[in-house]
Amino acid sequence: MNLRTPLAAIVAAVALVVTSGCAVTRGQESVGAYVDDAAISTSVKAKMVEDKNVDAAAIKVDTLNGEVLLSGFAKSPSEKNTAESIAMKVHGVKSVKNQIVVRP
């Protein structure tokens, strides 16, 4: 009997379980919190894409426990402030740390 296929399936299943557990090691309380943070980051990024005054490709959005970190580059102080304003309006955001650098 070919033992290679079931063994590969078991190894893949164990790897999946182990790597999915790593997502919670960022200091968050649960997998649910990680999923919520990912949803917040996605929502902020989507709102930035919709806004023509913000270059969403130049701004990175990270979220941890509802606290959003904006980093990257903006062409003007107005763009930087708009990005922060957009992030603050997204449901679930507790605070925003704006580390966007203005570079004309």
PDB file of N, CA and C in Angstrom:
ATOM      1  N   MET A   1       0.835  -1.185   0.000  1.00  0.00           N
ATOM      2  CA  MET A   1       0.000   0.000   0.000  1.00  0.00           C
ATOM      3  C   MET A   1       0.880   1.249   0.000  1.00  0.00           C
ATOM      4  N   ASN A   2       0.430   2.252  -0.737  1.00  0.00           N
ATOM      5  CA  ASN A   2       1.207   3.484  -0.844  1.00  0.00           C
ATOM      6  C   ASN A   2       0.962   4.349   0.383  1.00  0.00           C
ATOM      7  N   LEU A   3       1.952   4.526   1.217  1.00  0.00           N
ATOM      8  CA  LEU A   3       1.836   5.278   2.466  1.00  0.00           C
ATOM      9  C   LEU A   3       2.179   6.756   2.285  1.00  0.00           C
ATOM     10  N   ARG A   4       2.730   7.101   1.149  1.00  0.00           N
ATOM     11  CA  ARG A   4       3.190   8.465   0.907  1.00  0.00           C
ATOM     12  C   ARG A   4       2.049   9.486   0.902  1.00  0.00           C
ATOM     13  N   THR A   5       0.916   9.205   0.268  1.00  0.00           N
ATOM     14  CA  THR A   5      -0.201  10.152   0.161  1.00  0.00           C
ATOM     15  C   THR A   5      -0.831  10.471   1.515  1.00  0.00           C
ATOM     16  N   PRO A   6      -1.188   9.457   2.338  1.00  0.00           N
ATOM     17  CA  PRO A   6      -1.750   9.795   3.656  1.00  0.00           C
ATOM     18  C   PRO A   6      -0.747  10.539   4.542  1.00  0.00           C
ATOM     19  N   LEU A   7       0.515  10.170   4.444  1.00  0.00           N
ATOM     20  CA  LEU A   7       1.541  10.842   5.232  1.00  0.00           C
ATOM     21  C   LEU A   7       1.665  12.310   4.819  1.00  0.00           C
ATOM     22  N   ALA A   8       1.619  12.585   3.525  1.00  0.00           N
ATOM     23  CA  ALA A   8       1.677  13.966   3.031  1.00  0.00           C
ATOM     24  C   ALA A   8       0.463  14.756   3.501  1.00  0.00           C
ATOM     25  N   ALA A   9      -0.708  14.119   3.521  1.00  0.00           N
ATOM     26  CA  ALA A   9      -1.919  14.797   3.988  1.00  0.00           C
ATOM     27  C   ALA A   9      -1.817  15.143   5.469  1.00  0.00           C
ATOM     28  N   ILE A  10      -1.269  14.237   6.259  1.00  0.00           N
ATOM     29  CA  ILE A  10      -1.110  14.490   7.695  1.00  0.00           C
ATOM     30  C   ILE A  10      -0.114  15.627   7.930  1.00  0.00           C
ATOM     31  N   VAL A  11       0.992  15.603   7.228  1.00  0.00           N
ATOM     32  CA  VAL A  11       1.996  16.672   7.363  1.00  0.00           C
ATOM     33  C   VAL A  11       1.400  18.020   6.971  1.00  0.00           C
ATOM     34  N   ALA A  12       0.628  18.058   5.889  1.00  0.00           N
ATOM     35  CA  ALA A  12       0.000  19.305   5.450  1.00  0.00           C
ATOM     36  C   ALA A  12      -1.005  19.794   6.481  1.00  0.00           C
ATOM     37  N   ALA A  13      -1.782  18.888   7.066  1.00  0.00           N
ATOM     38  CA  ALA A  13      -2.771  19.276   8.078  1.00  0.00           C
ATOM     39  C   ALA A  13      -2.090  19.838   9.320  1.00  0.00           C
ATOM     40  N   VAL A  14      -1.019  19.195   9.767  1.00  0.00           N
ATOM     41  CA  VAL A  14      -0.287  19.683  10.941  1.00  0.00           C
ATOM     42  C   VAL A  14       0.326  21.052  10.649  1.00  0.00           C
ATOM     43  N   ALA A  15       0.890  21.228   9.469  1.00  0.00           N
ATOM     44  CA  ALA A  15       1.479  22.523   9.107  1.00  0.00           C
ATOM     45  C   ALA A  15       0.434  23.615   9.094  1.00  0.00           C
ATOM     46  N   LEU A  16      -0.756  23.293   8.597  1.00  0.00           N
ATOM     47  CA  LEU A  16      -1.835  24.280   8.557  1.00  0.00           C
ATOM     48  C   LEU A  16      -2.259  24.690   9.958  1.00  0.00           C
ATOM     49  N   VAL A  17      -2.391  23.735  10.849  1.00  0.00           N
ATOM     50  CA  VAL A  17      -2.789  24.030  12.232  1.00  0.00           C
ATOM     51  C   VAL A  17      -1.718  24.855  12.930  1.00  0.00           C
ATOM     52  N   VAL A  18      -0.464  24.489  12.753  1.00  0.00           N
ATOM     53  CA  VAL A  18       0.631  25.206  13.410  1.00  0.00           C
ATOM     54  C   VAL A  18       0.756  26.629  12.892  1.00  0.00           C
ATOM     55  N   THR A  19       0.687  26.822  11.583  1.00  0.00           N
ATOM     56  CA  THR A  19       0.862  28.173  11.034  1.00  0.00           C
ATOM     57  C   THR A  19      -0.334  29.064  11.306  1.00  0.00           C
ATOM     58  N   SER A  20      -1.531  28.508  11.395  1.00  0.00           N
ATOM     59  CA  SER A  20      -2.686  29.350  11.706  1.00  0.00           C
ATOM     60  C   SER A  20      -2.623  29.823  13.148  1.00  0.00           C
ATOM     61  N   GLY A  21      -1.991  29.064  14.013  1.00  0.00           N
ATOM     62  CA  GLY A  21      -1.825  29.470  15.406  1.00  0.00           C
ATOM     63  C   GLY A  21      -0.816  30.595  15.553  1.00  0.00           C
ATOM     64  N   CYS A  22       0.088  30.743  14.616  1.00  0.00           N
ATOM     65  CA  CYS A  22       1.111  31.784  14.691  1.00  0.00           C
ATOM     66  C   CYS A  22       0.511  33.177  14.559  1.00  0.00           C
ATOM     67  N   ALA A  23      -0.621  33.301  13.899  1.00  0.00           N
ATOM     68  CA  ALA A  23      -1.230  34.605  13.687  1.00  0.00           C
ATOM     69  C   ALA A  23      -1.605  35.258  15.002  1.00  0.00           C
ATOM     70  N   VAL A  24      -1.888  34.471  16.015  1.00  0.00           N
ATOM     71  CA  VAL A  24      -2.319  35.018  17.287  1.00  0.00           C
ATOM     72  C   VAL A  24      -1.124  35.412  18.144  1.00  0.00           C
ATOM     73  N   THR A  25       0.069  35.032  17.786  1.00  0.00           N
ATOM     74  CA  THR A  25       1.233  35.326  18.606  1.00  0.00           C
ATOM     75  C   THR A  25       1.685  36.775  18.491  1.00  0.00           C
ATOM     76  N   ARG A  26       0.955  37.610  17.749  1.00  0.00           N
ATOM     77  CA  ARG A  26       1.310  39.021  17.639  1.00  0.00           C
ATOM     78  C   ARG A  26       0.949  39.778  18.910  1.00  0.00           C
ATOM     79  N   GLY A  27       0.512  39.096  19.941  1.00  0.00           N
ATOM     80  CA  GLY A  27       0.155  39.765  21.176  1.00  0.00           C
ATOM     81  C   GLY A  27      -1.332  39.997  21.289  1.00  0.00           C
ATOM     82  N   GLN A  28      -2.100  39.446  20.388  1.00  0.00           N
ATOM     83  CA  GLN A  28      -3.540  39.615  20.439  1.00  0.00           C
ATOM     84  C   GLN A  28      -4.138  38.508  21.286  1.00  0.00           C
ATOM     85  N   GLU A  29      -5.367  38.737  21.744  1.00  0.00           N
ATOM     86  CA  GLU A  29      -5.991  37.801  22.652  1.00  0.00           C
ATOM     87  C   GLU A  29      -6.563  36.573  21.957  1.00  0.00           C
ATOM     88  N   SER A  30      -7.058  36.705  20.743  1.00  0.00           N
ATOM     89  CA  SER A  30      -7.719  35.573  20.100  1.00  0.00           C
ATOM     90  C   SER A  30      -7.604  35.659  18.587  1.00  0.00           C
ATOM     91  N   VAL A  31      -7.993  34.572  17.961  1.00  0.00           N
ATOM     92  CA  VAL A  31      -8.031  34.551  16.501  1.00  0.00           C
ATOM     93  C   VAL A  31      -9.067  35.555  16.012  1.00  0.00           C
ATOM     94  N   GLY A  32     -10.170  35.683  16.754  1.00  0.00           N
ATOM     95  CA  GLY A  32     -11.215  36.656  16.398  1.00  0.00           C
ATOM     96  C   GLY A  32     -10.677  38.071  16.349  1.00  0.00           C
ATOM     97  N   ALA A  33      -9.811  38.422  17.308  1.00  0.00           N
ATOM     98  CA  ALA A  33      -9.217  39.758  17.324  1.00  0.00           C
ATOM     99  C   ALA A  33      -8.334  39.965  16.105  1.00  0.00           C
ATOM    100  N   TYR A  34      -7.604  38.915  15.718  1.00  0.00           N
ATOM    101  CA  TYR A  34      -6.752  38.999  14.531  1.00  0.00           C
ATOM    102  C   TYR A  34      -7.601  39.216  13.282  1.00  0.00           C
ATOM    103  N   VAL A  35      -8.702  38.485  13.185  1.00  0.00           N
ATOM    104  CA  VAL A  35      -9.597  38.622  12.037  1.00  0.00           C
ATOM    105  C   VAL A  35     -10.213  40.016  12.016  1.00  0.00           C
ATOM    106  N   ASP A  36     -10.615  40.536  13.181  1.00  0.00           N
ATOM    107  CA  ASP A  36     -11.171  41.882  13.259  1.00  0.00           C
ATOM    108  C   ASP A  36     -10.155  42.916  12.789  1.00  0.00           C
ATOM    109  N   ASP A  37      -8.909  42.776  13.214  1.00  0.00           N
ATOM    110  CA  ASP A  37      -7.865  43.710  12.801  1.00  0.00           C
ATOM    111  C   ASP A  37      -7.622  43.650  11.300  1.00  0.00           C
ATOM    112  N   ALA A  38      -7.654  42.461  10.740  1.00  0.00           N
ATOM    113  CA  ALA A  38      -7.479  42.319   9.292  1.00  0.00           C
ATOM    114  C   ALA A  38      -8.633  42.991   8.557  1.00  0.00           C
ATOM    115  N   ALA A  39      -9.843  42.852   9.089  1.00  0.00           N
ATOM    116  CA  ALA A  39     -11.012  43.488   8.467  1.00  0.00           C
ATOM    117  C   ALA A  39     -10.908  45.008   8.545  1.00  0.00           C
ATOM    118  N   ILE A  40     -10.416  45.523   9.662  1.00  0.00           N
ATOM    119  CA  ILE A  40     -10.241  46.972   9.813  1.00  0.00           C
ATOM    120  C   ILE A  40      -9.221  47.470   8.792  1.00  0.00           C
ATOM    121  N   SER A  41      -8.078  46.789   8.693  1.00  0.00           N
ATOM    122  CA  SER A  41      -7.041  47.200   7.733  1.00  0.00           C
ATOM    123  C   SER A  41      -7.584  47.201   6.313  1.00  0.00           C
ATOM    124  N   THR A  42      -8.339  46.174   5.970  1.00  0.00           N
ATOM    125  CA  THR A  42      -8.920  46.073   4.638  1.00  0.00           C
ATOM    126  C   THR A  42      -9.915  47.195   4.380  1.00  0.00           C
ATOM    127  N   SER A  43     -10.729  47.508   5.372  1.00  0.00           N
ATOM    128  CA  SER A  43     -11.714  48.589   5.223  1.00  0.00           C
ATOM    129  C   SER A  43     -11.041  49.944   5.045  1.00  0.00           C
ATOM    130  N   VAL A  44     -10.008  50.190   5.847  1.00  0.00           N
ATOM    131  CA  VAL A  44      -9.280  51.466   5.734  1.00  0.00           C
ATOM    132  C   VAL A  44      -8.664  51.579   4.344  1.00  0.00           C
ATOM    133  N   LYS A  45      -8.022  50.512   3.897  1.00  0.00           N
ATOM    134  CA  LYS A  45      -7.370  50.538   2.582  1.00  0.00           C
ATOM    135  C   LYS A  45      -8.405  50.739   1.469  1.00  0.00           C
ATOM    136  N   ALA A  46      -9.551  50.090   1.582  1.00  0.00           N
ATOM    137  CA  ALA A  46     -10.605  50.236   0.570  1.00  0.00           C
ATOM    138  C   ALA A  46     -11.118  51.671   0.508  1.00  0.00           C
ATOM    139  N   LYS A  47     -11.292  52.294   1.667  1.00  0.00           N
ATOM    140  CA  LYS A  47     -11.754  53.692   1.700  1.00  0.00           C
ATOM    141  C   LYS A  47     -10.706  54.612   1.078  1.00  0.00           C
ATOM    142  N   MET A  48      -9.437  54.304   1.283  1.00  0.00           N
ATOM    143  CA  MET A  48      -8.372  55.120   0.691  1.00  0.00           C
ATOM    144  C   MET A  48      -8.363  54.977  -0.828  1.00  0.00           C
ATOM    145  N   VAL A  49      -8.619  53.769  -1.307  1.00  0.00           N
ATOM    146  CA  VAL A  49      -8.665  53.546  -2.759  1.00  0.00           C
ATOM    147  C   VAL A  49      -9.800  54.347  -3.376  1.00  0.00           C
ATOM    148  N   GLU A  50     -10.937  54.439  -2.677  1.00  0.00           N
ATOM    149  CA  GLU A  50     -12.091  55.187  -3.172  1.00  0.00           C
ATOM    150  C   GLU A  50     -11.840  56.692  -3.220  1.00  0.00           C
ATOM    151  N   ASP A  51     -10.992  57.185  -2.324  1.00  0.00           N
ATOM    152  CA  ASP A  51     -10.735  58.626  -2.236  1.00  0.00           C
ATOM    153  C   ASP A  51      -9.654  59.020  -3.242  1.00  0.00           C
ATOM    154  N   LYS A  52      -9.980  59.927  -4.144  1.00  0.00           N
ATOM    155  CA  LYS A  52      -9.033  60.344  -5.190  1.00  0.00           C
ATOM    156  C   LYS A  52      -7.918  61.250  -4.652  1.00  0.00           C
ATOM    157  N   ASN A  53      -8.051  61.738  -3.422  1.00  0.00           N
ATOM    158  CA  ASN A  53      -7.038  62.617  -2.836  1.00  0.00           C
ATOM    159  C   ASN A  53      -5.932  61.851  -2.121  1.00  0.00           C
ATOM    160  N   VAL A  54      -6.067  60.531  -2.045  1.00  0.00           N
ATOM    161  CA  VAL A  54      -5.082  59.715  -1.335  1.00  0.00           C
ATOM    162  C   VAL A  54      -4.529  58.655  -2.284  1.00  0.00           C
ATOM    163  N   ASP A  55      -3.203  58.549  -2.333  1.00  0.00           N
ATOM    164  CA  ASP A  55      -2.557  57.498  -3.124  1.00  0.00           C
ATOM    165  C   ASP A  55      -2.433  56.261  -2.244  1.00  0.00           C
ATOM    166  N   ALA A  56      -3.437  55.392  -2.314  1.00  0.00           N
ATOM    167  CA  ALA A  56      -3.506  54.214  -1.447  1.00  0.00           C
ATOM    168  C   ALA A  56      -2.315  53.276  -1.649  1.00  0.00           C
ATOM    169  N   ALA A  57      -1.737  53.267  -2.820  1.00  0.00           N
ATOM    170  CA  ALA A  57      -0.604  52.384  -3.094  1.00  0.00           C
ATOM    171  C   ALA A  57       0.649  52.808  -2.327  1.00  0.00           C
ATOM    172  N   ALA A  58       0.725  54.067  -1.936  1.00  0.00           N
ATOM    173  CA  ALA A  58       1.910  54.577  -1.253  1.00  0.00           C
ATOM    174  C   ALA A  58       1.777  54.537   0.270  1.00  0.00           C
ATOM    175  N   ILE A  59       0.619  54.091   0.769  1.00  0.00           N
ATOM    176  CA  ILE A  59       0.375  54.104   2.207  1.00  0.00           C
ATOM    177  C   ILE A  59       0.092  52.687   2.683  1.00  0.00           C
ATOM    178  N   LYS A  60       0.806  52.278   3.734  1.00  0.00           N
ATOM    179  CA  LYS A  60       0.625  50.954   4.323  1.00  0.00           C
ATOM    180  C   LYS A  60      -0.263  51.087   5.557  1.00  0.00           C
ATOM    181  N   VAL A  61      -1.162  50.135   5.739  1.00  0.00           N
ATOM    182  CA  VAL A  61      -2.089  50.141   6.868  1.00  0.00           C
ATOM    183  C   VAL A  61      -1.890  48.860   7.669  1.00  0.00           C
ATOM    184  N   ASP A  62      -1.560  49.010   8.952  1.00  0.00           N
ATOM    185  CA  ASP A  62      -1.447  47.878   9.869  1.00  0.00           C
ATOM    186  C   ASP A  62      -2.368  48.135  11.052  1.00  0.00           C
ATOM    187  N   THR A  63      -2.983  47.086  11.576  1.00  0.00           N
ATOM    188  CA  THR A  63      -3.890  47.232  12.706  1.00  0.00           C
ATOM    189  C   THR A  63      -3.564  46.200  13.765  1.00  0.00           C
ATOM    190  N   LEU A  64      -3.537  46.618  15.014  1.00  0.00           N
ATOM    191  CA  LEU A  64      -3.327  45.729  16.146  1.00  0.00           C
ATOM    192  C   LEU A  64      -4.260  46.154  17.263  1.00  0.00           C
ATOM    193  N   ASN A  65      -5.179  45.274  17.623  1.00  0.00           N
ATOM    194  CA  ASN A  65      -6.167  45.548  18.672  1.00  0.00           C
ATOM    195  C   ASN A  65      -6.960  46.824  18.418  1.00  0.00           C
ATOM    196  N   GLY A  66      -7.300  47.073  17.183  1.00  0.00           N
ATOM    197  CA  GLY A  66      -8.101  48.241  16.829  1.00  0.00           C
ATOM    198  C   GLY A  66      -7.308  49.522  16.668  1.00  0.00           C
ATOM    199  N   GLU A  67      -6.013  49.484  16.897  1.00  0.00           N
ATOM    200  CA  GLU A  67      -5.152  50.654  16.743  1.00  0.00           C
ATOM    201  C   GLU A  67      -4.489  50.581  15.372  1.00  0.00           C
ATOM    202  N   VAL A  68      -4.753  51.576  14.545  1.00  0.00           N
ATOM    203  CA  VAL A  68      -4.276  51.585  13.166  1.00  0.00           C
ATOM    204  C   VAL A  68      -2.964  52.362  13.068  1.00  0.00           C
ATOM    205  N   LEU A  69      -2.003  51.781  12.372  1.00  0.00           N
ATOM    206  CA  LEU A  69      -0.728  52.439  12.096  1.00  0.00           C
ATOM    207  C   LEU A  69      -0.659  52.709  10.608  1.00  0.00           C
ATOM    208  N   LEU A  70      -0.535  53.974  10.242  1.00  0.00           N
ATOM    209  CA  LEU A  70      -0.374  54.379   8.845  1.00  0.00           C
ATOM    210  C   LEU A  70       1.091  54.708   8.615  1.00  0.00           C
ATOM    211  N   SER A  71       1.665  54.159   7.556  1.00  0.00           N
ATOM    212  CA  SER A  71       3.053  54.476   7.216  1.00  0.00           C
ATOM    213  C   SER A  71       3.163  54.557   5.698  1.00  0.00           C
ATOM    214  N   GLY A  72       4.258  55.105   5.254  1.00  0.00           N
ATOM    215  CA  GLY A  72       4.458  55.266   3.822  1.00  0.00           C
ATOM    216  C   GLY A  72       4.693  56.716   3.482  1.00  0.00           C
ATOM    217  N   PHE A  73       4.295  57.100   2.274  1.00  0.00           N
ATOM    218  CA  PHE A  73       4.590  58.445   1.791  1.00  0.00           C
ATOM    219  C   PHE A  73       3.358  59.127   1.235  1.00  0.00           C
ATOM    220  N   ALA A  74       3.288  60.448   1.472  1.00  0.00           N
ATOM    221  CA  ALA A  74       2.225  61.284   0.923  1.00  0.00           C
ATOM    222  C   ALA A  74       2.874  62.424   0.152  1.00  0.00           C
ATOM    223  N   LYS A  75       2.123  62.982  -0.789  1.00  0.00           N
ATOM    224  CA  LYS A  75       2.651  64.083  -1.602  1.00  0.00           C
ATOM    225  C   LYS A  75       2.443  65.443  -0.947  1.00  0.00           C
ATOM    226  N   SER A  76       1.555  65.495   0.067  1.00  0.00           N
ATOM    227  CA  SER A  76       1.283  66.769   0.727  1.00  0.00           C
ATOM    228  C   SER A  76       0.760  66.511   2.137  1.00  0.00           C
ATOM    229  N   PRO A  77       0.846  67.528   2.998  1.00  0.00           N
ATOM    230  CA  PRO A  77       0.265  67.399   4.340  1.00  0.00           C
ATOM    231  C   PRO A  77      -1.239  67.133   4.286  1.00  0.00           C
ATOM    232  N   SER A  78      -1.895  67.681   3.282  1.00  0.00           N
ATOM    233  CA  SER A  78      -3.326  67.458   3.124  1.00  0.00           C
ATOM    234  C   SER A  78      -3.633  65.981   2.875  1.00  0.00           C
ATOM    235  N   GLU A  79      -2.836  65.328   2.032  1.00  0.00           N
ATOM    236  CA  GLU A  79      -3.029  63.901   1.763  1.00  0.00           C
ATOM    237  C   GLU A  79      -2.793  63.084   3.035  1.00  0.00           C
ATOM    238  N   LYS A  80      -1.779  63.450   3.794  1.00  0.00           N
ATOM    239  CA  LYS A  80      -1.477  62.768   5.057  1.00  0.00           C
ATOM    240  C   LYS A  80      -2.662  62.886   6.015  1.00  0.00           C
ATOM    241  N   ASN A  81      -3.200  64.088   6.154  1.00  0.00           N
ATOM    242  CA  ASN A  81      -4.325  64.319   7.061  1.00  0.00           C
ATOM    243  C   ASN A  81      -5.597  63.619   6.580  1.00  0.00           C
ATOM    244  N   THR A  82      -5.804  63.590   5.269  1.00  0.00           N
ATOM    245  CA  THR A  82      -6.972  62.913   4.716  1.00  0.00           C
ATOM    246  C   THR A  82      -6.907  61.422   5.005  1.00  0.00           C
ATOM    247  N   ALA A  83      -5.729  60.828   4.850  1.00  0.00           N
ATOM    248  CA  ALA A  83      -5.560  59.399   5.134  1.00  0.00           C
ATOM    249  C   ALA A  83      -5.889  59.099   6.595  1.00  0.00           C
ATOM    250  N   GLU A  84      -5.438  59.954   7.487  1.00  0.00           N
ATOM    251  CA  GLU A  84      -5.732  59.768   8.913  1.00  0.00           C
ATOM    252  C   GLU A  84      -7.226  59.908   9.190  1.00  0.00           C
ATOM    253  N   SER A  85      -7.841  60.881   8.570  1.00  0.00           N
ATOM    254  CA  SER A  85      -9.272  61.104   8.736  1.00  0.00           C
ATOM    255  C   SER A  85     -10.080  59.907   8.240  1.00  0.00           C
ATOM    256  N   ILE A  86      -9.691  59.367   7.112  1.00  0.00           N
ATOM    257  CA  ILE A  86     -10.367  58.189   6.561  1.00  0.00           C
ATOM    258  C   ILE A  86     -10.268  57.027   7.553  1.00  0.00           C
ATOM    259  N   ALA A  87      -9.082  56.803   8.087  1.00  0.00           N
ATOM    260  CA  ALA A  87      -8.874  55.698   9.024  1.00  0.00           C
ATOM    261  C   ALA A  87      -9.719  55.864  10.289  1.00  0.00           C
ATOM    262  N   MET A  88      -9.808  57.079  10.795  1.00  0.00           N
ATOM    263  CA  MET A  88     -10.578  57.327  12.023  1.00  0.00           C
ATOM    264  C   MET A  88     -12.066  57.039  11.847  1.00  0.00           C
ATOM    265  N   LYS A  89     -12.574  57.163  10.635  1.00  0.00           N
ATOM    266  CA  LYS A  89     -14.004  56.980  10.377  1.00  0.00           C
ATOM    267  C   LYS A  89     -14.413  55.520  10.186  1.00  0.00           C
ATOM    268  N   VAL A  90     -13.456  54.613  10.103  1.00  0.00           N
ATOM    269  CA  VAL A  90     -13.770  53.203   9.882  1.00  0.00           C
ATOM    270  C   VAL A  90     -14.232  52.571  11.194  1.00  0.00           C
ATOM    271  N   HIS A  91     -15.300  51.787  11.106  1.00  0.00           N
ATOM    272  CA  HIS A  91     -15.868  51.130  12.277  1.00  0.00           C
ATOM    273  C   HIS A  91     -14.851  50.175  12.914  1.00  0.00           C
ATOM    274  N   GLY A  92     -14.679  50.274  14.212  1.00  0.00           N
ATOM    275  CA  GLY A  92     -13.770  49.401  14.941  1.00  0.00           C
ATOM    276  C   GLY A  92     -12.426  50.019  15.249  1.00  0.00           C
ATOM    277  N   VAL A  93     -12.135  51.168  14.653  1.00  0.00           N
ATOM    278  CA  VAL A  93     -10.846  51.832  14.891  1.00  0.00           C
ATOM    279  C   VAL A  93     -10.897  52.558  16.234  1.00  0.00           C
ATOM    280  N   LYS A  94      -9.946  52.229  17.110  1.00  0.00           N
ATOM    281  CA  LYS A  94      -9.864  52.873  18.420  1.00  0.00           C
ATOM    282  C   LYS A  94      -8.980  54.114  18.367  1.00  0.00           C
ATOM    283  N   SER A  95      -7.876  54.014  17.631  1.00  0.00           N
ATOM    284  CA  SER A  95      -6.965  55.146  17.493  1.00  0.00           C
ATOM    285  C   SER A  95      -6.158  54.975  16.211  1.00  0.00           C
ATOM    286  N   VAL A  96      -5.542  56.078  15.790  1.00  0.00           N
ATOM    287  CA  VAL A  96      -4.720  56.055  14.577  1.00  0.00           C
ATOM    288  C   VAL A  96      -3.373  56.693  14.900  1.00  0.00           C
ATOM    289  N   LYS A  97      -2.312  55.989  14.563  1.00  0.00           N
ATOM    290  CA  LYS A  97      -0.957  56.539  14.683  1.00  0.00           C
ATOM    291  C   LYS A  97      -0.496  56.815  13.259  1.00  0.00           C
ATOM    292  N   ASN A  98      -0.333  58.078  12.933  1.00  0.00           N
ATOM    293  CA  ASN A  98      -0.005  58.484  11.573  1.00  0.00           C
ATOM    294  C   ASN A  98       1.502  58.730  11.444  1.00  0.00           C
ATOM    295  N   GLN A  99       2.189  57.801  10.809  1.00  0.00           N
ATOM    296  CA  GLN A  99       3.630  57.941  10.592  1.00  0.00           C
ATOM    297  C   GLN A  99       3.959  58.128   9.112  1.00  0.00           C
ATOM    298  N   ILE A 100       2.987  58.658   8.379  1.00  0.00           N
ATOM    299  CA  ILE A 100       3.187  58.924   6.951  1.00  0.00           C
ATOM    300  C   ILE A 100       4.163  60.088   6.811  1.00  0.00           C
ATOM    301  N   VAL A 101       5.114  59.921   5.923  1.00  0.00           N
ATOM    302  CA  VAL A 101       6.110  60.959   5.657  1.00  0.00           C
ATOM    303  C   VAL A 101       5.686  61.730   4.410  1.00  0.00           C
ATOM    304  N   VAL A 102       5.695  63.067   4.511  1.00  0.00           N
ATOM    305  CA  VAL A 102       5.339  63.908   3.354  1.00  0.00           C
ATOM    306  C   VAL A 102       6.598  64.086   2.512  1.00  0.00           C
ATOM    307  N   ARG A 103       6.459  63.658   1.259  1.00  0.00           N
ATOM    308  CA  ARG A 103       7.583  63.777   0.325  1.00  0.00           C
ATOM    309  C   ARG A 103       7.024  64.254  -1.010  1.00  0.00           C
ATOM    310  N   PRO A 104       7.288  65.519  -1.368  1.00  0.00           N
ATOM    311  CA  PRO A 104       6.716  66.069  -2.604  1.00  0.00           C
ATOM    312  C   PRO A 104       7.224  65.397  -3.868  1.00  0.00           C
TER     313      PRO A 104
END
